[in-house]
């Protein structure tokens, strides 16, 4: 398969869900102080406010596989785009704290669903040799959305909206959400999903439009994979047969959050405030951290299909553990606060180069077609469940000492290094059909 305009367009549109994913999760960082003041939030209620979207994400990730299988990846993404739109408008016009929490919950459903459906759709239209980079565009858009959220918070802060500032910061996401919804009406369905629904002629037309050079051979590979799936249709995911891919999906999702990445992204302004930085200074440094995240994700995407997924994870484990230990030392001693932003930039660089670029690619690869939708939902569920737990508890942990969370995160990255080193297989350059044999399933 050659890279052509239709393939690039379809990939970019599906990856827009990642941009909204990143924007919606990170934009809350600029509003925590204003929300605390407006609604007189305790640390527990602040944690609940931030975590409410993540609770929705847990359920969105857990349930997305069902509409993804029944109605298709593309059409289900349209529902996610609508949830993003309703959430952004609802948060912007929230009339009290409970309504804000409910609309953030709805946005979380969209985030969780798109975290499963977006990479799944891209993996199923991408050729094996380009799959890492194309699925990686979803993660690129996640970090680009995070950067946009930080920049948006900074720009809106300069506009002096006073008490309305947090409403603009949360509500502006309606613009990219509407664009995402509109663009989803211009891309084809997944050819693998079409074959599963016995719509082989439509699948052939889609493969042709995506630039597949050997359409009949690719179609035959998909048909054989689907026949295997249909023969095992009554087999559930949680069987001994799938224990290894389940282990991989759950651990990569859990460790992604035990790195502390989203707690740091959500509470970045809070962290800078604890270290004595002003609001404007904190917003500017958040933009610098978001830009670093974007830059190193781009670098990772350029080498992920050469160096491989496992190598990137190992490098990232060492780098993030070192930087997190440095941040913990600053909070323990109260000295060298000027190094905080550099340590966080280093942490983000190592994360973006490793786990940030790898997780969604890996989740889209390790399960066979038979249970791919269920498997990706499980991996995303593990990721978002741990995210919700850490997001809720971070303000409580940091209230006693700003250092404790970072010590915990650093230790978890040391543990991850050995788990990846000893158990994770390399998946670069392996077709989705061959993956079933590599996992000992076929």
Protein backbone atom coordinates (compact mmCIF):
# COMPACT_ATOMS: atom_id res chain seq x y z
CA UNK A 1 0.00 0.00 0.00
CA UNK A 2 1.23 3.45 -0.90
CA UNK A 3 0.55 6.59 1.11
CA UNK A 4 -2.09 8.55 -0.79
CA UNK A 5 -4.40 11.48 -0.14
CA UNK A 6 -7.36 9.39 0.97
CA UNK A 7 -5.29 7.42 3.50
CA UNK A 8 -3.73 10.59 4.92
CA UNK A 9 -7.10 12.37 5.12
CA UNK A 10 -8.80 9.43 6.84
CA UNK A 11 -5.93 9.10 9.32
CA UNK A 12 -5.86 12.81 10.13
CA UNK A 13 -9.62 13.01 10.64
CA UNK A 14 -9.69 9.98 12.95
CA UNK A 15 -6.71 11.44 14.82
CA UNK A 16 -8.65 14.67 15.46
CA UNK A 17 -10.31 12.73 18.25
CA UNK A 18 -6.86 12.69 19.84
CA UNK A 19 -6.61 16.48 19.60
CA UNK A 20 -9.89 16.88 21.47
CA UNK A 21 -8.79 14.17 23.88
CA UNK A 22 -5.64 16.16 24.72
CA UNK A 23 -7.38 19.53 24.82
CA UNK A 24 -10.24 18.44 27.05
CA UNK A 25 -8.02 16.64 29.54
CA UNK A 26 -5.36 19.38 29.88
CA UNK A 27 -7.50 22.54 29.74
CA UNK A 28 -8.69 21.97 33.32
CA UNK A 29 -5.16 22.81 34.58
CA UNK A 30 -5.73 26.53 33.97
CA UNK A 31 -9.08 26.59 35.77
CA UNK A 32 -8.38 24.81 39.07
CA UNK A 33 -7.74 28.01 41.05
CA UNK A 34 -10.79 29.80 39.61
CA UNK A 35 -13.07 26.80 40.13
CA UNK A 36 -11.83 26.41 43.70
CA UNK A 37 -12.71 30.04 44.37
CA UNK A 38 -16.01 30.09 42.45
CA UNK A 39 -17.44 26.96 44.03
CA UNK A 40 -15.45 27.03 47.31
CA UNK A 41 -13.94 23.62 46.57
CA UNK A 42 -12.07 21.60 49.17
CA UNK A 43 -9.10 19.47 47.97
CA UNK A 44 -11.47 16.50 47.85
CA UNK A 45 -14.06 18.34 45.72
CA UNK A 46 -11.35 19.75 43.48
CA UNK A 47 -10.10 16.20 42.93
CA UNK A 48 -13.67 15.11 42.17
CA UNK A 49 -14.07 17.96 39.67
CA UNK A 50 -10.92 17.02 37.78
CA UNK A 51 -11.58 13.28 38.04
CA UNK A 52 -15.22 13.54 36.87
CA UNK A 53 -14.16 13.66 33.23
CA UNK A 54 -11.87 10.70 33.83
CA UNK A 55 -14.69 8.67 35.37
CA UNK A 56 -16.62 9.26 32.15
CA UNK A 57 -13.52 8.24 30.23
CA UNK A 58 -13.35 4.94 32.09
CA UNK A 59 -16.87 4.04 31.02
CA UNK A 60 -16.33 5.43 27.50
CA UNK A 61 -13.26 3.23 27.03
CA UNK A 62 -14.95 0.20 28.56
CA UNK A 63 -18.09 0.46 26.41
CA UNK A 64 -16.73 1.83 23.11
CA UNK A 65 -15.99 -1.60 21.68
CA UNK A 66 -19.70 -2.47 21.51
CA UNK A 67 -20.89 0.35 19.22
CA UNK A 68 -17.54 0.10 17.42
CA UNK A 69 -18.39 -3.47 16.45
CA UNK A 70 -22.08 -2.97 15.77
CA UNK A 71 -22.14 0.38 13.99
CA UNK A 72 -18.55 0.67 12.84
CA UNK A 73 -15.56 2.65 14.02
CA UNK A 74 -16.31 5.72 11.90
CA UNK A 75 -19.96 6.12 12.84
CA UNK A 76 -19.19 5.56 16.51
CA UNK A 77 -16.56 8.31 16.32
CA UNK A 78 -19.33 10.66 15.22
CA UNK A 79 -21.12 10.00 18.50
CA UNK A 80 -17.88 10.76 20.37
CA UNK A 81 -17.56 14.07 18.50
CA UNK A 82 -21.12 14.98 19.50
CA UNK A 83 -20.31 14.23 23.14
CA UNK A 84 -17.25 16.49 22.92
CA UNK A 85 -19.41 19.29 21.53
CA UNK A 86 -22.17 19.00 24.14
CA UNK A 87 -19.61 18.79 26.94
CA UNK A 88 -17.72 21.91 25.88
CA UNK A 89 -20.87 24.00 25.57
CA UNK A 90 -22.27 22.61 28.82
CA UNK A 91 -19.10 23.37 30.80
CA UNK A 92 -18.96 26.88 29.38
CA UNK A 93 -22.55 27.58 30.46
CA UNK A 94 -22.58 25.46 33.66
CA UNK A 95 -25.00 26.97 36.19
CA UNK A 96 -23.63 25.25 39.30
CA UNK A 97 -20.97 22.79 40.41
CA UNK A 98 -23.06 19.61 39.86
CA UNK A 99 -23.91 20.67 36.28
CA UNK A 100 -20.21 21.28 35.58
CA UNK A 101 -19.37 17.79 36.86
CA UNK A 102 -22.11 16.21 34.71
CA UNK A 103 -20.92 17.92 31.52
CA UNK A 104 -17.31 16.97 32.26
CA UNK A 105 -18.54 13.40 32.71
CA UNK A 106 -20.10 13.52 29.22
CA UNK A 107 -16.87 14.84 27.77
CA UNK A 108 -15.07 11.96 29.43
CA UNK A 109 -17.29 9.48 27.62
CA UNK A 110 -16.14 11.04 24.34
CA UNK A 111 -12.49 10.93 25.38
CA UNK A 112 -12.64 7.29 26.44
CA UNK A 113 -14.53 6.24 23.34
CA UNK A 114 -12.20 8.03 20.95
CA UNK A 115 -9.13 6.63 22.73
CA UNK A 116 -10.35 3.18 21.66
CA UNK A 117 -12.02 3.88 18.32
CA UNK A 118 -9.53 6.35 16.83
CA UNK A 119 -6.40 4.15 17.03
CA UNK A 120 -8.48 1.09 16.10
CA UNK A 121 -9.77 2.76 12.93
CA UNK A 122 -6.30 3.98 11.91
CA UNK A 123 -4.66 0.59 12.61
CA UNK A 124 -7.25 -1.11 10.40
CA UNK A 125 -6.68 1.17 7.39
CA UNK A 126 -2.88 1.46 7.72
CA UNK A 127 -0.26 -0.76 6.00
CA UNK A 128 2.00 -2.66 8.43
CA UNK A 129 5.18 -0.74 7.57
CA UNK A 130 3.47 2.60 8.21
CA UNK A 131 1.16 1.57 11.03
CA UNK A 132 3.34 2.77 13.92
CA UNK A 133 3.67 6.25 12.46
CA UNK A 134 0.05 6.54 11.33
CA UNK A 135 -1.45 5.31 14.60
CA UNK A 136 1.14 7.53 16.28
CA UNK A 137 -0.62 10.52 14.67
CA UNK A 138 -3.39 9.95 17.21
CA UNK A 139 -0.89 10.44 20.03
CA UNK A 140 0.65 13.38 18.15
CA UNK A 141 -2.76 15.04 18.16
CA UNK A 142 -3.21 14.23 21.86
CA UNK A 143 -0.06 16.16 22.74
CA UNK A 144 -0.83 18.87 20.20
CA UNK A 145 -4.24 19.22 21.88
CA UNK A 146 -2.49 19.52 25.25
CA UNK A 147 -0.26 22.29 23.89
CA UNK A 148 -3.30 24.04 22.41
CA UNK A 149 -5.07 23.83 25.77
CA UNK A 150 -2.11 25.42 27.60
CA UNK A 151 -1.75 28.12 24.96
CA UNK A 152 -5.51 28.73 24.97
CA UNK A 153 -5.47 29.12 28.75
CA UNK A 154 -2.59 31.59 28.49
CA UNK A 155 -4.24 33.62 25.68
CA UNK A 156 -7.65 33.72 27.38
CA UNK A 157 -5.92 34.75 30.61
CA UNK A 158 -4.45 37.78 28.80
CA UNK A 159 -7.95 38.78 27.61
CA UNK A 160 -9.00 39.64 31.19
CA UNK A 161 -12.40 37.97 31.24
CA UNK A 162 -12.29 38.09 35.05
CA UNK A 163 -14.91 35.77 36.58
CA UNK A 164 -15.86 34.45 33.11
CA UNK A 165 -12.31 33.34 32.29
CA UNK A 166 -12.73 29.67 33.27
CA UNK A 167 -15.97 29.47 31.24
CA UNK A 168 -14.16 30.60 28.10
CA UNK A 169 -11.28 28.23 28.80
CA UNK A 170 -13.60 25.22 29.04
CA UNK A 171 -16.13 26.29 26.39
CA UNK A 172 -13.74 27.09 23.54
CA UNK A 173 -13.31 23.34 22.89
CA UNK A 174 -16.68 23.46 21.12
CA UNK A 175 -14.93 24.86 18.02
CA UNK A 176 -12.63 21.89 17.27
CA UNK A 177 -15.38 19.49 18.38
CA UNK A 178 -17.76 20.86 15.72
CA UNK A 179 -15.01 20.63 13.09
CA UNK A 180 -14.25 17.01 14.06
CA UNK A 181 -17.92 16.06 13.74
CA UNK A 182 -18.17 17.67 10.30
CA UNK A 183 -15.00 16.03 8.93
CA UNK A 184 -16.10 12.55 10.01
CA UNK A 185 -18.72 12.65 7.25
CA UNK A 186 -15.94 12.62 4.63
CA UNK A 187 -14.00 9.42 5.42
CA UNK A 188 -14.73 5.75 4.58
CA UNK A 189 -15.56 2.89 6.92
CA UNK A 190 -12.86 0.47 8.08
CA UNK A 191 -12.37 -2.26 5.45
CA UNK A 192 -11.92 -4.88 8.19
CA UNK A 193 -15.25 -3.91 9.76
CA UNK A 194 -16.93 -4.06 6.33
CA UNK A 195 -15.61 -7.60 5.74
CA UNK A 196 -16.92 -8.64 9.15
CA UNK A 197 -20.34 -7.41 8.08
CA UNK A 198 -20.10 -9.40 4.79
CA UNK A 199 -19.81 -6.18 2.76
CA UNK A 200 -16.78 -7.37 0.83
CA UNK A 201 -17.38 -5.25 -2.29
CA UNK A 202 -17.45 -2.09 -0.17
CA UNK A 203 -14.27 -3.21 1.57
CA UNK A 204 -12.58 -3.73 -1.82
CA UNK A 205 -13.59 -0.21 -2.91
CA UNK A 206 -12.23 1.27 0.33
CA UNK A 207 -8.89 -0.56 -0.06
CA UNK A 208 -8.61 0.76 -3.62
CA UNK A 209 -9.35 4.30 -2.48
CA UNK A 210 -6.73 4.02 0.28
CA UNK A 211 -4.03 3.13 -2.26
CA UNK A 212 -3.62 -0.59 -1.60
CA UNK A 213 -1.47 -2.00 -4.43
CA UNK A 214 -2.48 -5.66 -4.06
CA UNK A 215 -6.15 -5.28 -3.21
CA UNK A 216 -7.13 -8.92 -3.69
CA UNK A 217 -4.30 -10.28 -1.53
CA UNK A 218 -5.00 -7.81 1.26
CA UNK A 219 -8.71 -8.56 1.04
CA UNK A 220 -8.01 -12.29 1.25
CA UNK A 221 -5.84 -11.78 4.34
CA UNK A 222 -8.63 -9.83 5.99
CA UNK A 223 -11.26 -12.41 5.03
CA UNK A 224 -9.19 -15.24 6.51
CA UNK A 225 -8.66 -13.26 9.71
CA UNK A 226 -12.40 -12.57 9.95
CA UNK A 227 -13.23 -16.24 9.32
CA UNK A 228 -10.99 -17.15 12.25
CA UNK A 229 -12.80 -14.59 14.35
CA UNK A 230 -16.23 -15.88 13.35
CA UNK A 231 -15.15 -19.40 14.23
CA UNK A 232 -14.28 -18.22 17.72
CA UNK A 233 -17.12 -15.72 18.05
CA UNK A 234 -18.56 -17.25 21.20
CA UNK A 235 -15.17 -17.20 22.95
CA UNK A 236 -14.88 -14.41 25.54
CA UNK A 237 -11.82 -12.21 25.97
CA UNK A 238 -11.06 -13.42 29.50
CA UNK A 239 -9.82 -16.90 28.66
CA UNK A 240 -6.44 -18.54 29.16
CA UNK A 241 -5.80 -18.20 25.46
CA UNK A 242 -5.63 -14.41 25.64
CA UNK A 243 -3.87 -14.07 29.00
CA UNK A 244 -0.65 -12.68 27.50
CA UNK A 245 -2.16 -9.87 25.40
CA UNK A 246 -4.45 -9.06 28.34
CA UNK A 247 -1.38 -8.75 30.58
CA UNK A 248 0.31 -6.47 28.05
CA UNK A 249 -2.74 -4.24 27.60
CA UNK A 250 -3.48 -3.86 31.31
CA UNK A 251 0.12 -3.21 32.35
CA UNK A 252 0.87 -0.67 29.62
CA UNK A 253 -2.33 1.20 30.48
CA UNK A 254 -1.67 1.16 34.23
CA UNK A 255 2.03 2.09 34.01
CA UNK A 256 1.19 4.94 31.64
CA UNK A 257 -0.70 6.57 34.50
CA UNK A 258 1.60 5.44 37.31
CA UNK A 259 4.19 7.64 35.62
CA UNK A 260 2.10 10.54 36.94
CA UNK A 261 1.69 12.09 33.49
CA UNK A 262 -1.93 13.14 33.66
CA UNK A 263 -1.80 14.17 37.32
CA UNK A 264 1.06 16.50 36.33
CA UNK A 265 -0.74 17.76 33.22
CA UNK A 266 -4.04 18.38 35.04
CA UNK A 267 -2.45 20.06 38.07
CA UNK A 268 0.49 21.75 36.35
CA UNK A 269 -0.51 25.28 37.43
CA UNK A 270 -1.20 23.94 40.93
CA UNK A 271 2.30 22.42 41.05
CA UNK A 272 3.91 25.69 39.92
CA UNK A 273 1.85 27.63 42.47
CA UNK A 274 3.05 25.31 45.26
CA UNK A 275 6.60 26.09 44.16
CA UNK A 276 5.95 29.84 44.32
CA UNK A 277 5.35 30.78 40.67
CA UNK A 278 2.76 33.39 39.68
CA UNK A 279 -0.34 32.60 37.60
CA UNK A 280 1.01 34.18 34.38
CA UNK A 281 4.44 32.60 34.87
CA UNK A 282 2.82 29.21 35.49
CA UNK A 283 0.74 29.51 32.31
CA UNK A 284 3.81 30.39 30.23
CA UNK A 285 5.83 27.50 31.61
CA UNK A 286 2.88 25.18 30.96
CA UNK A 287 3.06 26.23 27.29
CA UNK A 288 6.80 25.39 27.27
CA UNK A 289 6.09 21.96 28.73
CA UNK A 290 3.31 21.35 26.20
CA UNK A 291 5.66 22.32 23.35
CA UNK A 292 8.31 19.91 24.67
CA UNK A 293 5.72 17.14 24.78
CA UNK A 294 4.82 17.82 21.15
CA UNK A 295 8.44 17.99 19.97
CA UNK A 296 9.50 14.71 21.55
CA UNK A 297 6.35 12.94 20.40
CA UNK A 298 7.24 13.96 16.84
CA UNK A 299 10.78 12.61 17.34
CA UNK A 300 9.40 9.35 18.73
CA UNK A 301 7.00 8.95 15.81
CA UNK A 302 9.89 9.33 13.38
CA UNK A 303 11.82 6.44 14.96
CA UNK A 304 9.12 4.17 16.43
CA UNK A 305 9.12 1.85 13.42
CA UNK A 306 12.95 1.67 13.41
CA UNK A 307 13.88 1.51 17.09
CA UNK A 308 10.73 -0.35 18.08
CA UNK A 309 8.18 0.04 20.85
CA UNK A 310 10.10 -1.81 23.58
CA UNK A 311 13.29 0.22 23.21
CA UNK A 312 11.40 3.50 23.54
CA UNK A 313 9.64 2.27 26.68
CA UNK A 314 12.93 1.28 28.32
CA UNK A 315 14.56 4.64 27.56
CA UNK A 316 11.52 6.47 28.88
CA UNK A 317 11.42 4.50 32.13
CA UNK A 318 14.96 5.52 33.05
CA UNK A 319 14.51 9.17 32.05
CA UNK A 320 11.16 9.76 33.74
CA UNK A 321 12.26 8.05 36.98
CA UNK A 322 15.34 10.28 37.17
CA UNK A 323 13.41 13.53 36.56
CA UNK A 324 10.62 12.60 39.00
CA UNK A 325 13.19 11.89 41.71
CA UNK A 326 14.64 15.37 41.11
CA UNK A 327 11.21 17.01 41.45
CA UNK A 328 10.60 15.13 44.70
CA UNK A 329 13.92 16.39 46.08
CA UNK A 330 12.96 20.01 45.33
CA UNK A 331 9.70 19.67 47.26
CA UNK A 332 11.38 17.83 50.14
CA UNK A 333 14.16 20.39 50.59
CA UNK A 334 12.48 23.58 49.38
CA UNK A 335 15.70 24.39 47.50
CA UNK A 336 16.60 24.92 43.82
CA UNK A 337 12.99 25.72 42.81
CA UNK A 338 14.45 27.29 39.65
CA UNK A 339 15.22 23.75 38.44
CA UNK A 340 11.59 22.61 38.74
CA UNK A 341 10.51 23.71 35.29
CA UNK A 342 13.62 22.09 33.72
CA UNK A 343 13.03 18.80 35.50
CA UNK A 344 9.38 18.80 34.40
CA UNK A 345 10.44 19.61 30.83
CA UNK A 346 12.91 16.72 30.96
CA UNK A 347 10.22 14.44 32.37
CA UNK A 348 7.78 15.40 29.62
CA UNK A 349 10.48 14.90 26.98
CA UNK A 350 11.21 11.35 28.13
CA UNK A 351 7.50 10.56 28.48
CA UNK A 352 6.62 11.92 25.03
CA UNK A 353 9.51 9.97 23.50
CA UNK A 354 8.40 6.71 25.10
CA UNK A 355 5.03 5.90 26.66
CA UNK A 356 3.25 8.83 25.09
CA UNK A 357 4.08 7.66 21.59
CA UNK A 358 3.85 3.92 22.25
CA UNK A 359 0.70 3.19 24.28
CA UNK A 360 -2.01 3.61 21.64
CA UNK A 361 0.13 1.97 18.94
CA UNK A 362 0.83 -1.02 21.19
CA UNK A 363 -2.80 -1.43 22.22
CA UNK A 364 -3.85 -1.47 18.57
CA UNK A 365 -1.35 -4.25 17.80
CA UNK A 366 -1.25 -6.86 20.58
CA UNK A 367 -4.77 -8.28 20.22
CA UNK A 368 -5.95 -10.48 17.34
CA UNK A 369 -8.89 -9.37 15.23
CA UNK A 370 -11.08 -11.78 17.18
CA UNK A 371 -11.05 -9.67 20.31
CA UNK A 372 -9.33 -6.45 19.21
CA UNK A 373 -12.22 -4.15 20.09
CA UNK A 374 -12.70 -5.78 23.51
CA UNK A 375 -8.96 -5.85 24.11
CA UNK A 376 -8.42 -2.20 23.27
CA UNK A 377 -11.35 -1.30 25.49
CA UNK A 378 -9.75 -3.26 28.33
CA UNK A 379 -6.40 -1.53 27.87
CA UNK A 380 -8.00 1.90 27.69
CA UNK A 381 -10.18 1.07 30.69
CA UNK A 382 -7.09 0.16 32.72
CA UNK A 383 -5.42 3.41 31.64
CA UNK A 384 -8.40 5.61 32.49
CA UNK A 385 -9.35 3.84 35.71
CA UNK A 386 -5.85 4.43 37.07
CA UNK A 387 -5.99 7.99 35.71
CA UNK A 388 -9.22 8.69 37.63
CA UNK A 389 -7.80 7.22 40.83
CA UNK A 390 -4.59 9.26 40.65
CA UNK A 391 -6.36 12.47 39.56
CA UNK A 392 -8.70 12.26 42.55
CA UNK A 393 -6.00 11.47 45.11
CA UNK A 394 -3.25 13.81 43.87
CA UNK A 395 -4.54 16.96 45.67
CA UNK A 396 -4.96 14.95 48.87
CA UNK A 397 -1.43 13.51 48.64
CA UNK A 398 0.09 16.87 47.73
CA UNK A 399 -1.77 18.64 50.56
CA UNK A 400 0.51 17.00 53.13
CA UNK A 401 3.71 17.15 51.09
CA UNK A 402 4.27 18.08 47.46
CA UNK A 403 7.05 15.50 47.30
CA UNK A 404 5.12 12.30 48.11
CA UNK A 405 3.35 11.89 44.75
CA UNK A 406 6.61 12.30 42.83
CA UNK A 407 8.44 9.72 44.95
CA UNK A 408 5.66 7.25 44.24
CA UNK A 409 5.69 7.96 40.49
CA UNK A 410 9.49 7.57 40.32
CA UNK A 411 9.38 4.18 42.02
CA UNK A 412 6.68 3.01 39.63
CA UNK A 413 8.86 3.90 36.64
CA UNK A 414 11.66 1.74 38.03
CA UNK A 415 9.20 -1.15 38.31
CA UNK A 416 8.00 -0.52 34.75
CA UNK A 417 11.56 -0.75 33.42
CA UNK A 418 11.94 -4.33 34.65
CA UNK A 419 8.45 -5.42 33.57
CA UNK A 420 9.05 -4.15 30.02
CA UNK A 421 12.57 -5.60 29.91
CA UNK A 422 11.49 -9.06 31.01
CA UNK A 423 8.04 -9.53 29.46
CA UNK A 424 7.20 -7.13 26.60
CA UNK A 425 7.61 -8.42 23.01
CA UNK A 426 8.59 -6.18 20.11
CA UNK A 427 5.78 -5.60 17.59
CA UNK A 428 7.37 -3.37 14.95
CA UNK A 429 6.90 -4.43 11.33
CA UNK A 430 4.48 -7.27 12.10
CA UNK A 431 1.12 -7.32 10.31
CA UNK A 432 -2.04 -7.53 12.41
CA UNK A 433 -2.72 -10.96 10.96
CA UNK A 434 0.80 -12.21 11.75
CA UNK A 435 0.43 -10.87 15.28
CA UNK A 436 -2.05 -13.64 16.07
CA UNK A 437 0.63 -16.26 15.33
CA UNK A 438 3.29 -14.33 17.26
CA UNK A 439 1.03 -14.24 20.33
CA UNK A 440 0.49 -18.00 20.04
CA UNK A 441 -3.21 -17.62 19.31
CA UNK A 442 -3.63 -18.61 15.68
